């Protein structure tokens, strides 16, 4: 049984647009969290857990819609 835990609670306060969570920043065509999820899915895990801050949970949910 394999579980993946993704730590995505960073706020990115040192970045130019500090209102955008770090995990939601675009790298190429995808956000950082989408890149990590895509890579994690290749491992065929039983469960993927994404740890986010309570302030950014809705923002990240909108970016990563199942």
C-alpha atoms as a PDB file:
ATOM      1  CA  UNK A   1       0.000   0.000   0.000  1.00  0.00           C
ATOM      2  CA  UNK A   2       1.437   3.347  -1.042  1.00  0.00           C
ATOM      3  CA  UNK A   3       0.219   6.734   0.132  1.00  0.00           C
ATOM      4  CA  UNK A   4       1.560  10.060  -1.105  1.00  0.00           C
ATOM      5  CA  UNK A   5       1.541  13.164   1.079  1.00  0.00           C
ATOM      6  CA  UNK A   6       2.003  16.472  -0.734  1.00  0.00           C
ATOM      7  CA  UNK A   7       2.933  19.474   1.384  1.00  0.00           C
ATOM      8  CA  UNK A   8       1.270  22.495  -0.232  1.00  0.00           C
ATOM      9  CA  UNK A   9       0.770  24.956   2.615  1.00  0.00           C
ATOM     10  CA  UNK A  10       3.364  27.497   1.451  1.00  0.00           C
ATOM     11  CA  UNK A  11       2.100  31.039   1.106  1.00  0.00           C
ATOM     12  CA  UNK A  12       4.707  32.384  -1.313  1.00  0.00           C
ATOM     13  CA  UNK A  13       5.001  35.718   0.508  1.00  0.00           C
ATOM     14  CA  UNK A  14       8.409  36.428  -1.045  1.00  0.00           C
ATOM     15  CA  UNK A  15       7.018  36.158  -4.553  1.00  0.00           C
ATOM     16  CA  UNK A  16       5.709  39.096  -6.582  1.00  0.00           C
ATOM     17  CA  UNK A  17       2.001  38.151  -6.403  1.00  0.00           C
ATOM     18  CA  UNK A  18       1.905  37.100  -2.768  1.00  0.00           C
ATOM     19  CA  UNK A  19      -1.883  36.707  -2.878  1.00  0.00           C
ATOM     20  CA  UNK A  20      -1.430  33.531  -4.965  1.00  0.00           C
ATOM     21  CA  UNK A  21      -0.458  30.431  -2.935  1.00  0.00           C
ATOM     22  CA  UNK A  22       2.913  28.990  -3.920  1.00  0.00           C
ATOM     23  CA  UNK A  23       1.374  25.662  -4.984  1.00  0.00           C
ATOM     24  CA  UNK A  24      -0.917  27.511  -7.421  1.00  0.00           C
ATOM     25  CA  UNK A  25       1.872  29.279  -9.310  1.00  0.00           C
ATOM     26  CA  UNK A  26       2.134  28.335 -12.972  1.00  0.00           C
ATOM     27  CA  UNK A  27       5.200  26.497 -14.228  1.00  0.00           C
ATOM     28  CA  UNK A  28       4.686  26.106 -17.947  1.00  0.00           C
ATOM     29  CA  UNK A  29       1.088  25.067 -18.616  1.00  0.00           C
ATOM     30  CA  UNK A  30       0.338  23.674 -15.161  1.00  0.00           C
ATOM     31  CA  UNK A  31       0.439  24.899 -11.588  1.00  0.00           C
ATOM     32  CA  UNK A  32       3.090  23.502  -9.253  1.00  0.00           C
ATOM     33  CA  UNK A  33       0.506  21.360  -7.443  1.00  0.00           C
ATOM     34  CA  UNK A  34      -0.743  19.948 -10.757  1.00  0.00           C
ATOM     35  CA  UNK A  35       2.824  18.953 -11.705  1.00  0.00           C
ATOM     36  CA  UNK A  36       3.284  17.185  -8.366  1.00  0.00           C
ATOM     37  CA  UNK A  37      -0.107  15.444  -8.592  1.00  0.00           C
ATOM     38  CA  UNK A  38       0.612  14.292 -12.146  1.00  0.00           C
ATOM     39  CA  UNK A  39       3.976  12.845 -11.081  1.00  0.00           C
ATOM     40  CA  UNK A  40       2.442  11.236  -7.996  1.00  0.00           C
ATOM     41  CA  UNK A  41      -0.305   9.538 -10.013  1.00  0.00           C
ATOM     42  CA  UNK A  42       2.381   7.685 -12.000  1.00  0.00           C
ATOM     43  CA  UNK A  43       3.239   5.842  -8.768  1.00  0.00           C
ATOM     44  CA  UNK A  44      -0.320   4.450  -8.677  1.00  0.00           C
ATOM     45  CA  UNK A  45      -0.811   5.228  -4.971  1.00  0.00           C
ATOM     46  CA  UNK A  46      -3.796   4.043  -2.936  1.00  0.00           C
ATOM     47  CA  UNK A  47      -4.204   7.513  -1.515  1.00  0.00           C
ATOM     48  CA  UNK A  48      -2.956  11.035  -2.213  1.00  0.00           C
ATOM     49  CA  UNK A  49      -3.137  13.489   0.669  1.00  0.00           C
ATOM     50  CA  UNK A  50      -2.591  17.194   0.036  1.00  0.00           C
ATOM     51  CA  UNK A  51      -1.726  19.278   3.106  1.00  0.00           C
ATOM     52  CA  UNK A  52      -2.804  22.913   2.706  1.00  0.00           C
ATOM     53  CA  UNK A  53      -3.211  25.911   4.976  1.00  0.00           C
ATOM     54  CA  UNK A  54      -6.741  26.736   6.093  1.00  0.00           C
ATOM     55  CA  UNK A  55      -6.429  30.159   4.450  1.00  0.00           C
ATOM     56  CA  UNK A  56      -5.747  28.641   1.025  1.00  0.00           C
ATOM     57  CA  UNK A  57      -7.921  25.530   1.015  1.00  0.00           C
ATOM     58  CA  UNK A  58     -10.638  27.003  -1.228  1.00  0.00           C
ATOM     59  CA  UNK A  59      -8.106  28.524  -3.637  1.00  0.00           C
ATOM     60  CA  UNK A  60      -6.290  25.206  -4.040  1.00  0.00           C
ATOM     61  CA  UNK A  61      -9.563  23.277  -4.380  1.00  0.00           C
ATOM     62  CA  UNK A  62     -10.494  25.522  -7.308  1.00  0.00           C
ATOM     63  CA  UNK A  63      -7.144  24.913  -9.001  1.00  0.00           C
ATOM     64  CA  UNK A  64      -7.138  21.160  -8.440  1.00  0.00           C
ATOM     65  CA  UNK A  65     -10.621  19.968  -9.246  1.00  0.00           C
ATOM     66  CA  UNK A  66     -10.694  16.196  -9.297  1.00  0.00           C
END
